[in-house]
Amino acid sequence: METRKFRKSLQGVVTGKSGDKSLKVVYFYKIPHALYRKEVRRKTVLHVHDEKNECLVGDKVEIMETRPLSKMKRWRVLRVIERMPVSR
């Protein structure tokens, strides 16, 4: 895959798998509270395209911004960073 310039990339955790090639990925970030300056943890849920259908709930993934692929999906999976261990 060729390298792209000026595209955001984030790391997050897969929290949901709905439909074919669709995921929900949540990523956490910290911002200072407006008055007290304590770091507050926030999260954003993104709808992500998974072309190979390889991700499972709990996997840590790297995602990249892309053109609109559907009504909600504007991100796609670049790679799986860490797999969630399967306990059976």
Protein backbone atom coordinates (compact mmCIF):
# COMPACT_ATOMS: atom_id res chain seq x y z
CA MET A 1 0.00 0.00 0.00
CA GLU A 2 1.39 3.39 -0.91
CA THR A 3 1.82 6.00 1.79
CA ARG A 4 -0.75 8.77 1.96
CA LYS A 5 -0.12 12.33 3.02
CA PHE A 6 -2.30 14.56 5.14
CA ARG A 7 -4.72 11.90 6.34
CA LYS A 8 -5.53 11.41 9.99
CA SER A 9 -4.76 8.05 11.53
CA LEU A 10 -5.89 6.89 14.96
CA GLN A 11 -5.68 3.83 17.18
CA GLY A 12 -8.78 2.44 18.81
CA VAL A 13 -10.59 -0.62 20.06
CA VAL A 14 -13.32 -2.45 18.12
CA THR A 15 -16.52 -2.33 20.19
CA GLY A 16 -19.07 -3.55 17.69
CA LYS A 17 -19.41 -5.50 14.47
CA SER A 18 -22.59 -4.80 12.53
CA GLY A 19 -23.27 -5.96 9.02
CA ASP A 20 -20.74 -6.95 6.39
CA LYS A 21 -17.39 -5.12 6.51
CA SER A 22 -18.58 -2.62 9.12
CA LEU A 23 -17.19 -1.94 12.58
CA LYS A 24 -17.59 0.48 15.44
CA VAL A 25 -14.27 1.65 16.84
CA VAL A 26 -13.91 3.75 19.98
CA TYR A 27 -10.86 5.85 20.71
CA PHE A 28 -10.12 7.57 24.00
CA TYR A 29 -8.39 10.89 24.54
CA LYS A 30 -7.79 13.25 27.45
CA ILE A 31 -8.54 16.95 27.66
CA PRO A 32 -8.12 19.35 30.59
CA HIS A 33 -11.27 20.38 32.44
CA ALA A 34 -12.15 23.99 31.61
CA LEU A 35 -12.20 25.21 35.22
CA TYR A 36 -10.23 22.72 37.32
CA ARG A 37 -7.55 21.70 34.78
CA LYS A 38 -7.77 18.03 35.75
CA GLU A 39 -7.47 15.66 32.78
CA VAL A 40 -10.87 14.29 31.80
CA ARG A 41 -11.13 11.12 29.72
CA ARG A 42 -13.35 11.38 26.64
CA LYS A 43 -14.25 8.95 23.88
CA THR A 44 -15.42 9.09 20.29
CA VAL A 45 -17.15 6.27 18.42
CA LEU A 46 -16.31 5.99 14.71
CA HIS A 47 -17.88 3.83 12.01
CA VAL A 48 -15.12 2.02 10.13
CA HIS A 49 -14.85 0.00 6.92
CA ASP A 50 -13.08 -3.38 7.25
CA GLU A 51 -12.45 -4.62 3.70
CA LYS A 52 -11.10 -8.06 4.68
CA ASN A 53 -13.60 -8.76 7.50
CA GLU A 54 -10.65 -9.69 9.74
CA CYS A 55 -11.37 -7.68 12.91
CA LEU A 56 -13.21 -9.00 15.94
CA VAL A 57 -14.69 -7.21 18.93
CA GLY A 58 -11.89 -6.32 21.35
CA ASP A 59 -9.11 -5.98 18.75
CA LYS A 60 -6.88 -2.92 18.86
CA VAL A 61 -6.71 -1.42 15.35
CA GLU A 62 -5.15 1.46 13.46
CA ILE A 63 -7.62 3.35 11.26
CA MET A 64 -7.21 6.02 8.60
CA GLU A 65 -9.49 8.75 7.36
CA THR A 66 -10.86 8.20 3.85
CA ARG A 67 -13.53 9.42 1.46
CA PRO A 68 -17.16 8.81 2.41
CA LEU A 69 -17.93 5.12 1.87
CA SER A 70 -21.52 5.21 3.14
CA LYS A 71 -23.78 7.41 5.21
CA MET A 72 -21.72 6.94 8.37
CA LYS A 73 -18.39 5.39 7.34
CA ARG A 74 -15.51 7.82 6.77
CA TRP A 75 -12.68 5.67 8.16
CA ARG A 76 -11.05 2.37 7.16
CA VAL A 77 -8.88 -0.20 8.90
CA LEU A 78 -5.17 -0.02 8.14
CA ARG A 79 -3.96 -2.88 10.32
CA VAL A 80 -4.73 -4.91 13.40
CA ILE A 81 -2.28 -3.93 16.14
CA GLU A 82 -3.29 -6.41 18.81
CA ARG A 83 -5.73 -9.33 18.73
CA MET A 84 -8.08 -10.06 21.57
CA PRO A 85 -7.29 -13.53 22.94
CA VAL A 86 -10.08 -16.00 22.21
CA SER A 87 -11.07 -18.00 25.31
CA ARG A 88 -12.86 -21.25 24.50
